[in-house]
Every structure is written in C-alpha cells, then in structure tokens.
PDB file of N, CA and C in Angstrom:
ATOM      1  N   MET A   1       0.806  -1.069   0.178  1.00  0.00           N
ATOM      2  CA  MET A   1      -0.042   0.116  -0.038  1.00  0.00           C
ATOM      3  C   MET A   1       0.765   0.945  -0.221  1.00  0.00           C
ATOM      4  N   ALA A   2       2.047   1.116   0.615  1.00  0.00           N
ATOM      5  CA  ALA A   2       2.936   2.355   0.710  1.00  0.00           C
ATOM      6  C   ALA A   2       3.258   2.573  -0.613  1.00  0.00           C
ATOM      7  N   LEU A   3       4.078   1.562  -1.326  1.00  0.00           N
ATOM      8  CA  LEU A   3       4.599   1.678  -2.660  1.00  0.00           C
ATOM      9  C   LEU A   3       3.276   2.278  -3.427  1.00  0.00           C
ATOM     10  N   GLY A   4       2.267   2.019  -3.532  1.00  0.00           N
ATOM     11  CA  GLY A   4       1.102   2.379  -4.258  1.00  0.00           C
ATOM     12  C   GLY A   4       0.710   3.717  -4.172  1.00  0.00           C
ATOM     13  N   ALA A   5       0.880   4.464  -2.860  1.00  0.00           N
ATOM     14  CA  ALA A   5       0.796   5.548  -2.265  1.00  0.00           C
ATOM     15  C   ALA A   5       1.918   6.783  -2.878  1.00  0.00           C
ATOM     16  N   ALA A   6       2.946   5.842  -2.443  1.00  0.00           N
ATOM     17  CA  ALA A   6       4.214   6.521  -3.099  1.00  0.00           C
ATOM     18  C   ALA A   6       4.250   6.967  -4.404  1.00  0.00           C
ATOM     19  N   GLY A   7       3.726   6.016  -5.179  1.00  0.00           N
ATOM     20  CA  GLY A   7       3.827   5.933  -6.874  1.00  0.00           C
ATOM     21  C   GLY A   7       2.554   6.840  -7.180  1.00  0.00           C
ATOM     22  N   LEU A   8       1.734   7.227  -6.643  1.00  0.00           N
ATOM     23  CA  LEU A   8       0.436   7.909  -7.006  1.00  0.00           C
ATOM     24  C   LEU A   8       0.958   9.602  -6.772  1.00  0.00           C
ATOM     25  N   ALA A   9       1.182   9.582  -5.318  1.00  0.00           N
ATOM     26  CA  ALA A   9       1.845  10.846  -5.123  1.00  0.00           C
ATOM     27  C   ALA A   9       3.181  11.510  -5.841  1.00  0.00           C
ATOM     28  N   GLY A  10       4.112  10.476  -6.345  1.00  0.00           N
ATOM     29  CA  GLY A  10       5.143  10.820  -7.477  1.00  0.00           C
ATOM     30  C   GLY A  10       4.513  11.464  -8.605  1.00  0.00           C
ATOM     31  N   ALA A  11       3.459  10.465  -9.175  1.00  0.00           N
ATOM     32  CA  ALA A  11       2.965  10.828 -10.476  1.00  0.00           C
ATOM     33  C   ALA A  11       2.151  12.357 -10.445  1.00  0.00           C
ATOM     34  N   VAL A  12       1.543  12.418  -9.223  1.00  0.00           N
ATOM     35  CA  VAL A  12       0.754  13.986  -8.843  1.00  0.00           C
ATOM     36  C   VAL A  12       1.787  14.875  -9.114  1.00  0.00           C
ATOM     37  N   LEU A  13       3.126  14.914  -8.664  1.00  0.00           N
ATOM     38  CA  LEU A  13       4.076  15.836  -8.452  1.00  0.00           C
ATOM     39  C   LEU A  13       4.808  15.910  -9.874  1.00  0.00           C
ATOM     40  N   LEU A  14       4.800  14.486 -10.320  1.00  0.00           N
ATOM     41  CA  LEU A  14       5.511  15.087 -11.922  1.00  0.00           C
ATOM     42  C   LEU A  14       4.557  15.630 -12.766  1.00  0.00           C
ATOM     43  N   ALA A  15       3.368  15.362 -12.643  1.00  0.00           N
ATOM     44  CA  ALA A  15       2.218  16.192 -13.393  1.00  0.00           C
ATOM     45  C   ALA A  15       2.047  17.644 -13.252  1.00  0.00           C
ATOM     46  N   ALA A  16       2.243  17.770 -11.689  1.00  0.00           N
ATOM     47  CA  ALA A  16       2.170  19.151 -11.285  1.00  0.00           C
ATOM     48  C   ALA A  16       3.428  20.142 -11.589  1.00  0.00           C
ATOM     49  N   SER A  17       4.542  19.019 -12.150  1.00  0.00           N
ATOM     50  CA  SER A  17       5.963  20.109 -12.676  1.00  0.00           C
ATOM     51  C   SER A  17       5.653  20.421 -14.106  1.00  0.00           C
ATOM     52  N   VAL A  18       4.705  19.625 -14.685  1.00  0.00           N
ATOM     53  CA  VAL A  18       4.523  19.914 -16.498  1.00  0.00           C
ATOM     54  C   VAL A  18       4.193  21.262 -16.774  1.00  0.00           C
ATOM     55  N   PRO A  19       3.508  22.238 -16.261  1.00  0.00           N
ATOM     56  CA  PRO A  19       3.052  23.463 -16.669  1.00  0.00           C
ATOM     57  C   PRO A  19       3.881  24.494 -16.214  1.00  0.00           C
ATOM     58  N   MET A  20       5.033  24.316 -15.189  1.00  0.00           N
ATOM     59  CA  MET A  20       5.749  25.102 -14.732  1.00  0.00           C
ATOM     60  C   MET A  20       6.943  25.624 -15.699  1.00  0.00           C
ATOM     61  N   PRO A  21       7.412  26.918 -15.752  1.00  0.00           N
ATOM     62  CA  PRO A  21       8.602  27.164 -16.522  1.00  0.00           C
ATOM     63  C   PRO A  21       9.827  26.071 -16.402  1.00  0.00           C
ATOM     64  N   ALA A  22      10.383  25.850 -17.559  1.00  0.00           N
ATOM     65  CA  ALA A  22      11.421  24.752 -17.463  1.00  0.00           C
ATOM     66  C   ALA A  22      12.654  25.585 -16.851  1.00  0.00           C
ATOM     67  N   ARG A  23      13.265  24.587 -15.998  1.00  0.00           N
ATOM     68  CA  ARG A  23      14.448  24.998 -15.374  1.00  0.00           C
ATOM     69  C   ARG A  23      14.432  26.051 -14.265  1.00  0.00           C
ATOM     70  N   SER A  24      12.890  26.304 -13.798  1.00  0.00           N
ATOM     71  CA  SER A  24      12.823  27.130 -12.751  1.00  0.00           C
ATOM     72  C   SER A  24      13.181  26.254 -11.457  1.00  0.00           C
ATOM     73  N   LEU A  25      13.284  27.012 -10.359  1.00  0.00           N
ATOM     74  CA  LEU A  25      13.567  26.226  -9.129  1.00  0.00           C
ATOM     75  C   LEU A  25      12.385  25.650  -8.664  1.00  0.00           C
ATOM     76  N   MET A  26      11.118  26.159  -8.871  1.00  0.00           N
ATOM     77  CA  MET A  26       9.712  24.968  -8.311  1.00  0.00           C
ATOM     78  C   MET A  26       9.608  24.018  -9.495  1.00  0.00           C
ATOM     79  N   HIS A  27       9.997  24.305 -10.666  1.00  0.00           N
ATOM     80  CA  HIS A  27       9.756  23.072 -11.562  1.00  0.00           C
ATOM     81  C   HIS A  27      10.975  22.035 -11.172  1.00  0.00           C
ATOM     82  N   ASP A  28      12.172  22.215 -10.926  1.00  0.00           N
ATOM     83  CA  ASP A  28      13.187  21.297 -10.543  1.00  0.00           C
ATOM     84  C   ASP A  28      12.810  20.658  -9.251  1.00  0.00           C
ATOM     85  N   LEU A  29      12.371  21.245  -8.205  1.00  0.00           N
ATOM     86  CA  LEU A  29      11.859  20.650  -7.031  1.00  0.00           C
ATOM     87  C   LEU A  29      10.779  19.812  -6.936  1.00  0.00           C
ATOM     88  N   THR A  30       9.799  20.149  -8.013  1.00  0.00           N
ATOM     89  CA  THR A  30       8.648  19.398  -7.911  1.00  0.00           C
ATOM     90  C   THR A  30       9.020  18.250  -8.822  1.00  0.00           C
ATOM     91  N   TYR A  31       9.667  18.225  -9.815  1.00  0.00           N
ATOM     92  CA  TYR A  31      10.033  17.175 -10.520  1.00  0.00           C
ATOM     93  C   TYR A  31      10.830  16.439  -9.937  1.00  0.00           C
ATOM     94  N   GLY A  32      11.683  16.772  -9.214  1.00  0.00           N
ATOM     95  CA  GLY A  32      12.868  15.858  -8.446  1.00  0.00           C
ATOM     96  C   GLY A  32      12.192  15.204  -7.208  1.00  0.00           C
ATOM     97  N   THR A  33      11.284  15.909  -6.669  1.00  0.00           N
ATOM     98  CA  THR A  33      10.738  15.340  -5.547  1.00  0.00           C
ATOM     99  C   THR A  33       9.717  14.024  -6.013  1.00  0.00           C
ATOM    100  N   GLY A  34       9.103  14.349  -7.076  1.00  0.00           N
ATOM    101  CA  GLY A  34       8.255  13.461  -7.550  1.00  0.00           C
ATOM    102  C   GLY A  34       8.778  12.363  -8.475  1.00  0.00           C
ATOM    103  N   ALA A  35       9.912  12.224  -8.961  1.00  0.00           N
ATOM    104  CA  ALA A  35      10.970  11.441  -9.436  1.00  0.00           C
ATOM    105  C   ALA A  35      11.304  10.465  -8.278  1.00  0.00           C
ATOM    106  N   LEU A  36      11.988  11.191  -7.323  1.00  0.00           N
ATOM    107  CA  LEU A  36      12.239  10.372  -6.154  1.00  0.00           C
ATOM    108  C   LEU A  36      10.967   9.593  -5.288  1.00  0.00           C
ATOM    109  N   ALA A  37      10.137  10.080  -5.055  1.00  0.00           N
ATOM    110  CA  ALA A  37       8.909   9.477  -4.632  1.00  0.00           C
ATOM    111  C   ALA A  37       8.305   8.180  -5.383  1.00  0.00           C
ATOM    112  N   SER A  38       8.161   8.320  -6.880  1.00  0.00           N
ATOM    113  CA  SER A  38       7.752   7.607  -7.469  1.00  0.00           C
ATOM    114  C   SER A  38       8.798   6.355  -7.796  1.00  0.00           C
ATOM    115  N   ALA A  39      10.055   6.368  -7.806  1.00  0.00           N
ATOM    116  CA  ALA A  39      11.211   5.518  -8.302  1.00  0.00           C
ATOM    117  C   ALA A  39      11.011   4.289  -7.309  1.00  0.00           C
ATOM    118  N   PRO A  40      10.788   3.996  -5.963  1.00  0.00           N
ATOM    119  CA  PRO A  40      10.510   3.052  -5.538  1.00  0.00           C
ATOM    120  C   PRO A  40       9.365   1.735  -6.086  1.00  0.00           C
ATOM    121  N   ALA A  41       8.168   2.737  -6.385  1.00  0.00           N
ATOM    122  CA  ALA A  41       7.110   2.077  -6.938  1.00  0.00           C
ATOM    123  C   ALA A  41       7.333   1.550  -8.290  1.00  0.00           C
ATOM    124  N   VAL A  42       8.250   2.462  -9.075  1.00  0.00           N
ATOM    125  CA  VAL A  42       8.345   2.085 -10.464  1.00  0.00           C
ATOM    126  C   VAL A  42       9.541   0.666 -10.679  1.00  0.00           C
ATOM    127  N   LEU A  43      10.391   0.782  -9.700  1.00  0.00           N
ATOM    128  CA  LEU A  43      11.111  -0.481  -9.727  1.00  0.00           C
ATOM    129  C   LEU A  43      10.712  -1.780  -8.979  1.00  0.00           C
ATOM    130  N   ALA A  44       9.832  -1.646  -8.270  1.00  0.00           N
ATOM    131  CA  ALA A  44       8.806  -2.613  -7.493  1.00  0.00           C
ATOM    132  C   ALA A  44       7.864  -2.858  -8.333  1.00  0.00           C
ATOM    133  N   TYR A  45       7.598  -2.525  -9.363  1.00  0.00           N
ATOM    134  CA  TYR A  45       6.056  -2.303 -10.019  1.00  0.00           C
ATOM    135  C   TYR A  45       5.585  -3.988  -9.954  1.00  0.00           C
ATOM    136  N   PRO A  46       6.490  -4.864 -10.714  1.00  0.00           N
ATOM    137  CA  PRO A  46       5.872  -6.387 -10.866  1.00  0.00           C
ATOM    138  C   PRO A  46       5.607  -6.983  -9.421  1.00  0.00           C
ATOM    139  N   VAL A  47       6.682  -6.640  -8.610  1.00  0.00           N
ATOM    140  CA  VAL A  47       6.561  -7.314  -7.299  1.00  0.00           C
ATOM    141  C   VAL A  47       5.025  -6.868  -6.534  1.00  0.00           C
ATOM    142  N   TRP A  48       4.649  -5.555  -6.158  1.00  0.00           N
ATOM    143  CA  TRP A  48       3.585  -5.380  -5.728  1.00  0.00           C
ATOM    144  C   TRP A  48       2.390  -5.449  -6.411  1.00  0.00           C
ATOM    145  N   LEU A  49       2.294  -5.532  -7.983  1.00  0.00           N
ATOM    146  CA  LEU A  49       1.210  -5.999  -8.645  1.00  0.00           C
ATOM    147  C   LEU A  49       1.080  -7.167  -8.387  1.00  0.00           C
ATOM    148  N   ILE A  50       1.594  -8.227  -8.295  1.00  0.00           N
ATOM    149  CA  ILE A  50       1.551  -9.701  -8.017  1.00  0.00           C
ATOM    150  C   ILE A  50       0.918  -9.709  -6.737  1.00  0.00           C
ATOM    151  N   VAL A  51       1.488  -8.941  -5.776  1.00  0.00           N
ATOM    152  CA  VAL A  51       1.104  -9.202  -4.273  1.00  0.00           C
ATOM    153  C   VAL A  51      -0.713  -8.495  -4.343  1.00  0.00           C
ATOM    154  N   LEU A  52      -0.757  -7.525  -5.103  1.00  0.00           N
ATOM    155  CA  LEU A  52      -1.921  -6.875  -4.844  1.00  0.00           C
ATOM    156  C   LEU A  52      -3.136  -7.773  -5.653  1.00  0.00           C
ATOM    157  N   SER A  53      -2.522  -8.501  -6.721  1.00  0.00           N
ATOM    158  CA  SER A  53      -3.841  -9.162  -7.294  1.00  0.00           C
ATOM    159  C   SER A  53      -4.178 -10.267  -6.502  1.00  0.00           C
ATOM    160  N   TYR A  54      -3.242 -10.886  -5.302  1.00  0.00           N
ATOM    161  CA  TYR A  54      -3.708 -12.138  -4.642  1.00  0.00           C
ATOM    162  C   TYR A  54      -4.468 -11.608  -3.655  1.00  0.00           C
ATOM    163  N   ARG A  55      -4.495 -10.376  -3.316  1.00  0.00           N
ATOM    164  CA  ARG A  55      -5.630  -9.631  -2.442  1.00  0.00           C
ATOM    165  C   ARG A  55      -6.911  -9.160  -2.751  1.00  0.00           C
ATOM    166  N   LEU A  56      -7.223  -9.071  -4.177  1.00  0.00           N
ATOM    167  CA  LEU A  56      -8.223  -8.702  -4.838  1.00  0.00           C
ATOM    168  C   LEU A  56      -9.183  -9.731  -5.089  1.00  0.00           C
ATOM    169  N   PRO A  57     -10.527  -9.226  -4.564  1.00  0.00           N
ATOM    170  CA  PRO A  57     -11.477 -10.189  -4.844  1.00  0.00           C
ATOM    171  C   PRO A  57     -11.827 -10.744  -6.357  1.00  0.00           C
ATOM    172  N   GLY A  58     -12.286 -11.778  -6.661  1.00  0.00           N
ATOM    173  CA  GLY A  58     -12.344 -12.334  -7.982  1.00  0.00           C
ATOM    174  C   GLY A  58     -11.101 -12.703  -8.605  1.00  0.00           C
ATOM    175  N   HIS A  59     -10.041 -13.065  -7.859  1.00  0.00           N
ATOM    176  CA  HIS A  59      -8.800 -13.763  -8.626  1.00  0.00           C
ATOM    177  C   HIS A  59      -8.855 -14.855  -9.098  1.00  0.00           C
ATOM    178  N   LEU A  60      -8.223 -15.322  -9.965  1.00  0.00           N
ATOM    179  CA  LEU A  60      -8.604 -16.739 -10.611  1.00  0.00           C
ATOM    180  C   LEU A  60      -8.473 -17.949  -9.485  1.00  0.00           C
ATOM    181  N   ALA A  61      -7.967 -18.012  -8.637  1.00  0.00           N
ATOM    182  CA  ALA A  61      -7.705 -18.772  -7.905  1.00  0.00           C
ATOM    183  C   ALA A  61      -9.122 -19.367  -6.887  1.00  0.00           C
ATOM    184  N   ASP A  62      -9.832 -18.195  -6.992  1.00  0.00           N
ATOM    185  CA  ASP A  62     -11.047 -17.835  -6.208  1.00  0.00           C
ATOM    186  C   ASP A  62     -12.386 -18.748  -7.242  1.00  0.00           C
ATOM    187  N   HIS A  63     -11.948 -18.801  -8.593  1.00  0.00           N
ATOM    188  CA  HIS A  63     -12.802 -19.237  -9.438  1.00  0.00           C
ATOM    189  C   HIS A  63     -12.545 -20.828  -9.835  1.00  0.00           C
ATOM    190  N   THR A  64     -11.220 -21.242  -9.260  1.00  0.00           N
ATOM    191  CA  THR A  64     -10.672 -22.700  -9.642  1.00  0.00           C
ATOM    192  C   THR A  64     -10.795 -23.387  -8.464  1.00  0.00           C
ATOM    193  N   GLY A  65     -11.091 -22.824  -7.367  1.00  0.00           N
ATOM    194  CA  GLY A  65     -10.978 -23.517  -6.196  1.00  0.00           C
ATOM    195  C   GLY A  65      -9.563 -23.714  -5.591  1.00  0.00           C
ATOM    196  N   GLY A  66      -8.606 -22.758  -6.123  1.00  0.00           N
ATOM    197  CA  GLY A  66      -7.177 -23.072  -5.659  1.00  0.00           C
ATOM    198  C   GLY A  66      -6.452 -23.859  -6.395  1.00  0.00           C
ATOM    199  N   ARG A  67      -7.183 -24.656  -7.501  1.00  0.00           N
ATOM    200  CA  ARG A  67      -6.611 -25.598  -8.524  1.00  0.00           C
ATOM    201  C   ARG A  67      -6.079 -24.652  -9.730  1.00  0.00           C
ATOM    202  N   SER A  68      -5.213 -25.033 -10.491  1.00  0.00           N
ATOM    203  CA  SER A  68      -4.725 -24.826 -11.880  1.00  0.00           C
ATOM    204  C   SER A  68      -5.617 -25.027 -12.922  1.00  0.00           C
ATOM    205  N   GLN A  69      -5.401 -24.312 -13.613  1.00  0.00           N
ATOM    206  CA  GLN A  69      -6.465 -24.633 -15.115  1.00  0.00           C
ATOM    207  C   GLN A  69      -5.701 -26.064 -15.843  1.00  0.00           C
ATOM    208  N   ARG A  70      -4.547 -25.954 -15.443  1.00  0.00           N
ATOM    209  CA  ARG A  70      -3.862 -27.208 -16.409  1.00  0.00           C
ATOM    210  C   ARG A  70      -4.434 -28.378 -16.163  1.00  0.00           C
ATOM    211  N   GLY A  71      -4.755 -29.600 -16.826  1.00  0.00           N
ATOM    212  CA  GLY A  71      -5.293 -30.547 -16.741  1.00  0.00           C
ATOM    213  C   GLY A  71      -6.464 -30.908 -16.646  1.00  0.00           C
ATOM    214  N   ARG A  72      -7.438 -30.040 -16.777  1.00  0.00           N
ATOM    215  CA  ARG A  72      -8.835 -29.804 -16.777  1.00  0.00           C
ATOM    216  C   ARG A  72      -9.418 -30.397 -17.958  1.00  0.00           C
ATOM    217  N   THR A  73     -10.536 -31.210 -17.962  1.00  0.00           N
ATOM    218  CA  THR A  73     -11.180 -31.848 -18.963  1.00  0.00           C
ATOM    219  C   THR A  73     -11.813 -30.885 -19.724  1.00  0.00           C
ATOM    220  N   LYS A  74     -12.263 -31.267 -21.044  1.00  0.00           N
ATOM    221  CA  LYS A  74     -13.338 -30.537 -21.753  1.00  0.00           C
ATOM    222  C   LYS A  74     -14.731 -30.621 -21.185  1.00  0.00           C
ATOM    223  N   GLY A  75     -15.280 -29.544 -21.012  1.00  0.00           N
ATOM    224  CA  GLY A  75     -16.561 -29.551 -20.491  1.00  0.00           C
ATOM    225  C   GLY A  75     -16.831 -29.404 -18.680  1.00  0.00           C
ATOM    226  N   SER A  76     -15.680 -29.300 -18.138  1.00  0.00           N
ATOM    227  CA  SER A  76     -15.238 -29.070 -16.631  1.00  0.00           C
ATOM    228  C   SER A  76     -15.438 -27.510 -16.247  1.00  0.00           C
ATOM    229  N   GLY A  77     -15.186 -26.926 -17.180  1.00  0.00           N
ATOM    230  CA  GLY A  77     -15.055 -25.330 -16.831  1.00  0.00           C
ATOM    231  C   GLY A  77     -16.026 -24.901 -16.259  1.00  0.00           C
ATOM    232  N   LEU A  78     -15.853 -23.471 -15.895  1.00  0.00           N
ATOM    233  CA  LEU A  78     -16.603 -22.803 -15.002  1.00  0.00           C
ATOM    234  C   LEU A  78     -18.437 -22.647 -15.858  1.00  0.00           C
ATOM    235  N   ASN A  79     -18.052 -22.564 -17.289  1.00  0.00           N
ATOM    236  CA  ASN A  79     -19.446 -22.211 -18.311  1.00  0.00           C
ATOM    237  C   ASN A  79     -19.913 -23.598 -18.487  1.00  0.00           C
ATOM    238  N   ALA A  80     -19.815 -24.839 -18.192  1.00  0.00           N
ATOM    239  CA  ALA A  80     -20.093 -26.009 -18.463  1.00  0.00           C
ATOM    240  C   ALA A  80     -21.170 -26.432 -17.421  1.00  0.00           C
TER     241      ALA A  80
END
C-alpha cells in the first residue's frame, strides 16, 4: 500500500511540474521530488502488482477452487 501511495504521489508531483517554466527552481524541486517518490514504486512494480492481485476479490484462484487450469477436461469449466 505504501508503494502504491508513493507512486501515486510521485505521479501527481510529476504532473504538477509540467506547466511550470522549465529550469525554474519550483519545476526542479517538484520534478525531483516526484521522481524520487515514484522511483521505488516503478522499480518494484512487478512485485507489488503480483502481491496486490492475490488480495483482490475475483482472483483466478477463487474461481478454480485453488487448482490450476492445467489438466482440466473439456466441459469441466465454469461455463459448462
């Protein structure tokens, strides 16, 4: 959750730096803070995405009863 919040805060700061004049002190501070805040979220993106996907309702494991889809016979799916 902390990585997601840091990524969102960094994206907001990066977006806020766009309309500012280039190479001004406020632009540099906003852009630098946004880049530093969002860097951990960007670098750890695959990790927290996988962790978050297992916590969301409707995950694939919920639909298969914890079993993998491999080895199932035709007609034994959810729609049959």
